[in-house]
Amino acid sequence: ADDDREGDALYTTEAGAFTITFEDMKKFVIWKIEQLMLAIQESPDEQWGDPTDQRKAAMLNKLIELKVLVISLDFGEAYDKLLHDIKPLLTGLKVDEDGVEFGNGIFKNAWVTSDDFEAISNQILADLQILIANF
């Protein structure tokens, strides 16, 4: 979040410390999902396997489902969906946010492989873990 409008700041500062509320963290995760959706929409078609339009649309639908899970406070299900259903299709990897492999570590049927998508996915996974631990 940027701070060019009232209420945009992700955190507030008080005497050199800041507090992030549970609601702030949830909103941040939703914002990160929306950023991933935007990155997918803007990504070059050449990065994606055919049929490109169908794959992008299907991925956006998966991310909408992920967003609904977060809004519904179903953070564990959201984490599993991102880790096992979405991230492998975007990265070709079967690894968690810390790089720990599951299965054989490789997903052979990736729709696209993108370091940017991997970085955003890892951040969302880490933030979902924070929400899970504090819910």
N, C-alpha and C. Protein backbone atom coordinates (compact mmCIF):
# COMPACT_ATOMS: atom_id res chain seq x y z
N ALA A 1 0.84 -1.19 0.00
CA ALA A 1 0.00 0.00 0.00
C ALA A 1 0.88 1.24 0.00
N ASP A 2 0.46 2.23 -0.73
CA ASP A 2 1.19 3.49 -0.71
C ASP A 2 0.50 4.41 0.28
N ASP A 3 1.05 5.58 0.51
CA ASP A 3 0.48 6.45 1.53
C ASP A 3 0.05 7.79 0.95
N ASP A 4 -0.42 7.78 -0.29
CA ASP A 4 -0.82 9.04 -0.91
C ASP A 4 -2.26 9.43 -0.61
N ARG A 5 -3.00 8.55 0.05
CA ARG A 5 -4.38 8.86 0.45
C ARG A 5 -4.57 8.48 1.91
N GLU A 6 -5.48 9.15 2.56
CA GLU A 6 -5.78 8.85 3.95
C GLU A 6 -6.21 7.39 4.07
N GLY A 7 -5.66 6.69 5.06
CA GLY A 7 -6.01 5.30 5.30
C GLY A 7 -5.24 4.30 4.46
N ASP A 8 -4.32 4.77 3.60
CA ASP A 8 -3.58 3.88 2.72
C ASP A 8 -2.41 3.18 3.41
N ALA A 9 -1.87 3.76 4.45
CA ALA A 9 -0.66 3.20 5.07
C ALA A 9 -0.94 1.82 5.63
N LEU A 10 0.02 0.91 5.47
CA LEU A 10 -0.12 -0.45 5.97
C LEU A 10 0.08 -0.50 7.48
N TYR A 11 0.90 0.38 7.99
CA TYR A 11 1.16 0.38 9.42
C TYR A 11 1.24 1.82 9.91
N THR A 12 1.11 1.99 11.21
CA THR A 12 1.25 3.31 11.81
C THR A 12 2.45 3.27 12.75
N THR A 13 3.07 4.41 12.93
CA THR A 13 4.23 4.45 13.82
C THR A 13 3.90 5.24 15.07
N GLU A 14 4.45 4.76 16.17
CA GLU A 14 4.33 5.44 17.45
C GLU A 14 5.68 5.33 18.14
N ALA A 15 6.34 6.43 18.34
CA ALA A 15 7.61 6.46 19.06
C ALA A 15 8.59 5.42 18.53
N GLY A 16 8.72 5.33 17.21
CA GLY A 16 9.70 4.43 16.62
C GLY A 16 9.25 2.98 16.50
N ALA A 17 8.06 2.64 16.95
CA ALA A 17 7.54 1.28 16.83
C ALA A 17 6.30 1.31 15.95
N PHE A 18 5.94 0.18 15.42
CA PHE A 18 4.70 0.14 14.65
C PHE A 18 3.93 -1.12 15.00
N THR A 19 2.65 -1.04 14.77
CA THR A 19 1.76 -2.15 15.05
C THR A 19 0.99 -2.49 13.79
N ILE A 20 0.97 -3.76 13.47
CA ILE A 20 0.16 -4.23 12.36
C ILE A 20 -0.94 -5.09 12.97
N THR A 21 -2.16 -4.72 12.73
CA THR A 21 -3.27 -5.48 13.28
C THR A 21 -3.57 -6.69 12.40
N PHE A 22 -4.32 -7.61 12.96
CA PHE A 22 -4.76 -8.79 12.22
C PHE A 22 -5.50 -8.37 10.95
N GLU A 23 -6.39 -7.39 11.09
CA GLU A 23 -7.17 -6.91 9.94
C GLU A 23 -6.25 -6.28 8.89
N ASP A 24 -5.22 -5.53 9.35
CA ASP A 24 -4.25 -4.96 8.42
C ASP A 24 -3.55 -6.06 7.62
N MET A 25 -3.15 -7.12 8.32
CA MET A 25 -2.43 -8.21 7.68
C MET A 25 -3.34 -8.91 6.66
N LYS A 26 -4.58 -9.13 7.02
CA LYS A 26 -5.54 -9.76 6.11
C LYS A 26 -5.70 -8.89 4.85
N LYS A 27 -5.87 -7.60 5.04
CA LYS A 27 -6.01 -6.68 3.90
C LYS A 27 -4.76 -6.68 3.03
N PHE A 28 -3.59 -6.77 3.67
CA PHE A 28 -2.34 -6.80 2.94
C PHE A 28 -2.25 -8.06 2.07
N VAL A 29 -2.66 -9.20 2.62
CA VAL A 29 -2.65 -10.44 1.84
C VAL A 29 -3.59 -10.32 0.64
N ILE A 30 -4.76 -9.77 0.86
CA ILE A 30 -5.71 -9.58 -0.25
C ILE A 30 -5.10 -8.66 -1.30
N TRP A 31 -4.44 -7.60 -0.86
CA TRP A 31 -3.78 -6.67 -1.79
C TRP A 31 -2.69 -7.39 -2.58
N LYS A 32 -1.91 -8.25 -1.91
CA LYS A 32 -0.85 -8.99 -2.60
C LYS A 32 -1.44 -9.94 -3.64
N ILE A 33 -2.57 -10.58 -3.31
CA ILE A 33 -3.24 -11.44 -4.29
C ILE A 33 -3.66 -10.61 -5.49
N GLU A 34 -4.20 -9.43 -5.24
CA GLU A 34 -4.61 -8.54 -6.34
C GLU A 34 -3.40 -8.11 -7.17
N GLN A 35 -2.26 -7.89 -6.53
CA GLN A 35 -1.04 -7.53 -7.26
C GLN A 35 -0.59 -8.69 -8.15
N LEU A 36 -0.71 -9.91 -7.63
CA LEU A 36 -0.36 -11.09 -8.43
C LEU A 36 -1.31 -11.21 -9.63
N MET A 37 -2.59 -10.95 -9.40
CA MET A 37 -3.56 -10.98 -10.50
C MET A 37 -3.20 -9.96 -11.57
N LEU A 38 -2.83 -8.77 -11.16
CA LEU A 38 -2.44 -7.72 -12.10
C LEU A 38 -1.18 -8.12 -12.87
N ALA A 39 -0.21 -8.69 -12.16
CA ALA A 39 1.03 -9.13 -12.82
C ALA A 39 0.74 -10.21 -13.87
N ILE A 40 -0.19 -11.10 -13.56
CA ILE A 40 -0.57 -12.14 -14.52
C ILE A 40 -1.23 -11.52 -15.74
N GLN A 41 -2.16 -10.60 -15.51
CA GLN A 41 -2.85 -9.95 -16.62
C GLN A 41 -1.87 -9.21 -17.52
N GLU A 42 -0.85 -8.61 -16.93
CA GLU A 42 0.11 -7.80 -17.70
C GLU A 42 1.28 -8.61 -18.24
N SER A 43 1.39 -9.87 -17.87
CA SER A 43 2.53 -10.68 -18.31
C SER A 43 2.42 -10.96 -19.81
N PRO A 44 3.57 -11.04 -20.48
CA PRO A 44 3.56 -11.30 -21.92
C PRO A 44 2.96 -12.68 -22.23
N ASP A 45 2.15 -12.74 -23.25
CA ASP A 45 1.53 -14.00 -23.64
C ASP A 45 2.57 -15.06 -23.97
N GLU A 46 3.73 -14.63 -24.46
CA GLU A 46 4.78 -15.58 -24.85
C GLU A 46 5.27 -16.41 -23.67
N GLN A 47 5.11 -15.90 -22.44
CA GLN A 47 5.55 -16.64 -21.25
C GLN A 47 4.67 -17.85 -20.98
N TRP A 48 3.44 -17.80 -21.44
CA TRP A 48 2.44 -18.80 -21.11
C TRP A 48 2.36 -19.85 -22.20
N GLY A 49 2.04 -21.08 -21.78
CA GLY A 49 1.77 -22.13 -22.76
C GLY A 49 0.40 -21.92 -23.38
N ASP A 50 0.17 -22.57 -24.50
CA ASP A 50 -1.14 -22.46 -25.18
C ASP A 50 -2.16 -23.35 -24.49
N PRO A 51 -3.38 -22.97 -24.46
CA PRO A 51 -3.99 -21.73 -24.92
C PRO A 51 -3.82 -20.62 -23.87
N THR A 52 -3.10 -19.59 -24.23
CA THR A 52 -2.73 -18.52 -23.30
C THR A 52 -3.92 -17.87 -22.63
N ASP A 53 -4.90 -17.42 -23.39
CA ASP A 53 -6.05 -16.72 -22.82
C ASP A 53 -6.79 -17.58 -21.81
N GLN A 54 -6.96 -18.86 -22.15
CA GLN A 54 -7.66 -19.77 -21.24
C GLN A 54 -6.87 -19.99 -19.96
N ARG A 55 -5.56 -20.11 -20.08
CA ARG A 55 -4.73 -20.35 -18.90
C ARG A 55 -4.71 -19.12 -17.99
N LYS A 56 -4.57 -17.96 -18.58
CA LYS A 56 -4.59 -16.74 -17.76
C LYS A 56 -5.94 -16.59 -17.07
N ALA A 57 -7.03 -16.82 -17.79
CA ALA A 57 -8.37 -16.70 -17.21
C ALA A 57 -8.57 -17.72 -16.09
N ALA A 58 -8.12 -18.95 -16.31
CA ALA A 58 -8.25 -19.98 -15.28
C ALA A 58 -7.43 -19.62 -14.04
N MET A 59 -6.23 -19.06 -14.25
CA MET A 59 -5.40 -18.67 -13.11
C MET A 59 -6.05 -17.52 -12.35
N LEU A 60 -6.60 -16.57 -13.06
CA LEU A 60 -7.29 -15.46 -12.39
C LEU A 60 -8.48 -15.97 -11.58
N ASN A 61 -9.20 -16.96 -12.10
CA ASN A 61 -10.29 -17.56 -11.34
C ASN A 61 -9.79 -18.25 -10.08
N LYS A 62 -8.66 -18.94 -10.18
CA LYS A 62 -8.06 -19.59 -9.00
C LYS A 62 -7.68 -18.53 -7.96
N LEU A 63 -7.17 -17.41 -8.41
CA LEU A 63 -6.77 -16.35 -7.47
C LEU A 63 -7.99 -15.66 -6.86
N ILE A 64 -9.08 -15.57 -7.60
CA ILE A 64 -10.32 -15.05 -7.02
C ILE A 64 -10.79 -16.00 -5.92
N GLU A 65 -10.72 -17.30 -6.17
CA GLU A 65 -11.08 -18.29 -5.15
C GLU A 65 -10.18 -18.13 -3.92
N LEU A 66 -8.89 -17.91 -4.15
CA LEU A 66 -7.95 -17.71 -3.05
C LEU A 66 -8.33 -16.48 -2.23
N LYS A 67 -8.67 -15.42 -2.91
CA LYS A 67 -9.08 -14.18 -2.24
C LYS A 67 -10.33 -14.41 -1.39
N VAL A 68 -11.29 -15.14 -1.92
CA VAL A 68 -12.52 -15.45 -1.17
C VAL A 68 -12.18 -16.25 0.09
N LEU A 69 -11.26 -17.19 0.00
CA LEU A 69 -10.85 -17.96 1.17
C LEU A 69 -10.27 -17.04 2.25
N VAL A 70 -9.45 -16.09 1.84
CA VAL A 70 -8.86 -15.15 2.81
C VAL A 70 -9.95 -14.27 3.42
N ILE A 71 -10.82 -13.74 2.60
CA ILE A 71 -11.92 -12.91 3.10
C ILE A 71 -12.78 -13.70 4.08
N SER A 72 -12.96 -15.01 3.81
CA SER A 72 -13.77 -15.88 4.66
C SER A 72 -13.02 -16.38 5.89
N LEU A 73 -11.78 -15.91 6.07
CA LEU A 73 -10.92 -16.29 7.20
C LEU A 73 -10.52 -17.76 7.18
N ASP A 74 -10.55 -18.39 6.02
CA ASP A 74 -10.15 -19.79 5.88
C ASP A 74 -8.69 -19.82 5.43
N PHE A 75 -7.81 -19.39 6.33
CA PHE A 75 -6.40 -19.19 5.98
C PHE A 75 -5.66 -20.49 5.68
N GLY A 76 -5.99 -21.56 6.41
CA GLY A 76 -5.34 -22.85 6.16
C GLY A 76 -5.66 -23.37 4.77
N GLU A 77 -6.92 -23.28 4.39
CA GLU A 77 -7.34 -23.71 3.05
C GLU A 77 -6.70 -22.81 1.98
N ALA A 78 -6.62 -21.52 2.26
CA ALA A 78 -5.99 -20.59 1.32
C ALA A 78 -4.51 -20.95 1.14
N TYR A 79 -3.83 -21.23 2.24
CA TYR A 79 -2.42 -21.61 2.17
C TYR A 79 -2.25 -22.86 1.30
N ASP A 80 -3.07 -23.89 1.57
CA ASP A 80 -2.97 -25.13 0.81
C ASP A 80 -3.27 -24.92 -0.67
N LYS A 81 -4.27 -24.10 -0.97
CA LYS A 81 -4.63 -23.83 -2.37
C LYS A 81 -3.47 -23.15 -3.10
N LEU A 82 -2.88 -22.15 -2.47
CA LEU A 82 -1.77 -21.44 -3.10
C LEU A 82 -0.57 -22.36 -3.26
N LEU A 83 -0.24 -23.11 -2.21
CA LEU A 83 0.95 -23.96 -2.24
C LEU A 83 0.82 -25.11 -3.23
N HIS A 84 -0.32 -25.79 -3.24
CA HIS A 84 -0.45 -27.02 -4.02
C HIS A 84 -1.15 -26.85 -5.36
N ASP A 85 -1.98 -25.84 -5.51
CA ASP A 85 -2.76 -25.68 -6.74
C ASP A 85 -2.25 -24.55 -7.62
N ILE A 86 -1.92 -23.42 -7.02
CA ILE A 86 -1.59 -22.23 -7.80
C ILE A 86 -0.09 -22.09 -8.06
N LYS A 87 0.71 -22.11 -7.01
CA LYS A 87 2.15 -21.85 -7.17
C LYS A 87 2.84 -22.81 -8.15
N PRO A 88 2.56 -24.12 -8.10
CA PRO A 88 3.23 -24.99 -9.07
C PRO A 88 2.92 -24.63 -10.53
N LEU A 89 1.70 -24.18 -10.80
CA LEU A 89 1.35 -23.78 -12.17
C LEU A 89 2.07 -22.51 -12.60
N LEU A 90 2.41 -21.65 -11.64
CA LEU A 90 3.07 -20.38 -11.94
C LEU A 90 4.59 -20.46 -11.94
N THR A 91 5.13 -21.52 -11.34
CA THR A 91 6.58 -21.57 -11.15
C THR A 91 7.24 -22.85 -11.64
N GLY A 92 6.47 -23.91 -11.78
CA GLY A 92 7.06 -25.21 -12.12
C GLY A 92 7.72 -25.86 -10.92
N LEU A 93 7.50 -25.31 -9.73
CA LEU A 93 8.15 -25.81 -8.52
C LEU A 93 7.13 -26.34 -7.52
N LYS A 94 7.53 -27.36 -6.79
CA LYS A 94 6.76 -27.86 -5.66
C LYS A 94 7.60 -27.60 -4.41
N VAL A 95 7.63 -26.33 -4.01
CA VAL A 95 8.39 -25.92 -2.83
C VAL A 95 7.56 -24.92 -2.04
N ASP A 96 7.76 -24.93 -0.72
CA ASP A 96 7.03 -23.96 0.09
C ASP A 96 7.74 -22.61 0.07
N GLU A 97 7.26 -21.68 0.89
CA GLU A 97 7.81 -20.33 0.88
C GLU A 97 9.26 -20.27 1.35
N ASP A 98 9.72 -21.33 2.04
CA ASP A 98 11.11 -21.38 2.51
C ASP A 98 12.00 -22.21 1.59
N GLY A 99 11.46 -22.66 0.47
CA GLY A 99 12.24 -23.45 -0.47
C GLY A 99 12.29 -24.94 -0.15
N VAL A 100 11.49 -25.39 0.82
CA VAL A 100 11.45 -26.80 1.19
C VAL A 100 10.58 -27.54 0.18
N GLU A 101 11.16 -28.57 -0.44
CA GLU A 101 10.46 -29.32 -1.48
C GLU A 101 9.39 -30.23 -0.89
N PHE A 102 8.34 -30.45 -1.66
CA PHE A 102 7.40 -31.52 -1.37
C PHE A 102 7.24 -32.31 -2.66
N GLY A 103 6.86 -33.57 -2.53
CA GLY A 103 6.87 -34.43 -3.71
C GLY A 103 8.30 -34.53 -4.20
N ASN A 104 8.50 -34.38 -5.50
CA ASN A 104 9.86 -34.42 -6.04
C ASN A 104 10.44 -33.02 -6.24
N GLY A 105 9.67 -31.99 -5.84
CA GLY A 105 10.15 -30.61 -5.95
C GLY A 105 9.91 -29.96 -7.29
N ILE A 106 9.57 -30.76 -8.31
CA ILE A 106 9.37 -30.24 -9.66
C ILE A 106 7.94 -30.52 -10.11
N PHE A 107 7.31 -29.54 -10.72
CA PHE A 107 5.97 -29.71 -11.29
C PHE A 107 6.14 -29.64 -12.79
N LYS A 108 5.87 -30.73 -13.48
CA LYS A 108 6.18 -30.84 -14.90
C LYS A 108 5.20 -30.13 -15.83
N ASN A 109 4.03 -29.77 -15.33
CA ASN A 109 3.01 -29.19 -16.20
C ASN A 109 2.74 -27.72 -15.89
N ALA A 110 3.78 -26.97 -15.63
CA ALA A 110 3.61 -25.55 -15.33
C ALA A 110 3.04 -24.82 -16.53
N TRP A 111 2.19 -23.85 -16.26
CA TRP A 111 1.61 -23.02 -17.32
C TRP A 111 2.57 -21.90 -17.70
N VAL A 112 3.38 -21.49 -16.75
CA VAL A 112 4.33 -20.40 -16.93
C VAL A 112 5.39 -20.58 -15.85
N THR A 113 6.59 -20.11 -16.07
CA THR A 113 7.59 -20.10 -15.00
C THR A 113 8.10 -18.67 -14.87
N SER A 114 7.89 -18.12 -13.68
CA SER A 114 8.24 -16.72 -13.46
C SER A 114 8.81 -16.53 -12.07
N ASP A 115 10.00 -15.95 -12.01
CA ASP A 115 10.60 -15.63 -10.71
C ASP A 115 9.76 -14.60 -9.97
N ASP A 116 9.16 -13.67 -10.70
CA ASP A 116 8.31 -12.66 -10.06
C ASP A 116 7.09 -13.30 -9.42
N PHE A 117 6.44 -14.21 -10.14
CA PHE A 117 5.27 -14.90 -9.59
C PHE A 117 5.67 -15.73 -8.37
N GLU A 118 6.86 -16.33 -8.43
CA GLU A 118 7.35 -17.12 -7.29
C GLU A 118 7.56 -16.22 -6.07
N ALA A 119 8.17 -15.07 -6.26
CA ALA A 119 8.43 -14.16 -5.14
C ALA A 119 7.14 -13.68 -4.50
N ILE A 120 6.16 -13.29 -5.32
CA ILE A 120 4.88 -12.83 -4.77
C ILE A 120 4.17 -13.97 -4.07
N SER A 121 4.17 -15.16 -4.67
CA SER A 121 3.53 -16.33 -4.04
C SER A 121 4.16 -16.64 -2.70
N ASN A 122 5.50 -16.59 -2.64
CA ASN A 122 6.19 -16.87 -1.38
C ASN A 122 5.83 -15.86 -0.30
N GLN A 123 5.70 -14.59 -0.67
CA GLN A 123 5.32 -13.57 0.31
C GLN A 123 3.91 -13.83 0.83
N ILE A 124 3.00 -14.16 -0.07
CA ILE A 124 1.62 -14.45 0.36
C ILE A 124 1.60 -15.67 1.27
N LEU A 125 2.35 -16.72 0.92
CA LEU A 125 2.40 -17.91 1.77
C LEU A 125 2.91 -17.58 3.16
N ALA A 126 3.98 -16.79 3.23
CA ALA A 126 4.54 -16.41 4.53
C ALA A 126 3.54 -15.59 5.34
N ASP A 127 2.85 -14.68 4.68
CA ASP A 127 1.86 -13.85 5.37
C ASP A 127 0.66 -14.68 5.82
N LEU A 128 0.26 -15.66 5.01
CA LEU A 128 -0.83 -16.56 5.43
C LEU A 128 -0.43 -17.34 6.67
N GLN A 129 0.84 -17.73 6.75
CA GLN A 129 1.32 -18.43 7.95
C GLN A 129 1.16 -17.55 9.19
N ILE A 130 1.44 -16.27 9.06
CA ILE A 130 1.26 -15.34 10.18
C ILE A 130 -0.21 -15.28 10.57
N LEU A 131 -1.09 -15.20 9.59
CA LEU A 131 -2.53 -15.16 9.89
C LEU A 131 -2.98 -16.46 10.55
N ILE A 132 -2.50 -17.60 10.05
CA ILE A 132 -2.86 -18.90 10.64
C ILE A 132 -2.42 -18.96 12.10
N ALA A 133 -1.20 -18.50 12.37
CA ALA A 133 -0.66 -18.56 13.73
C ALA A 133 -1.39 -17.64 14.70
N ASN A 134 -2.04 -16.62 14.18
CA ASN A 134 -2.67 -15.63 15.05
C ASN A 134 -4.18 -15.61 14.97
N PHE A 135 -4.77 -16.61 14.31
CA PHE A 135 -6.23 -16.64 14.17
C PHE A 135 -6.83 -17.49 15.26
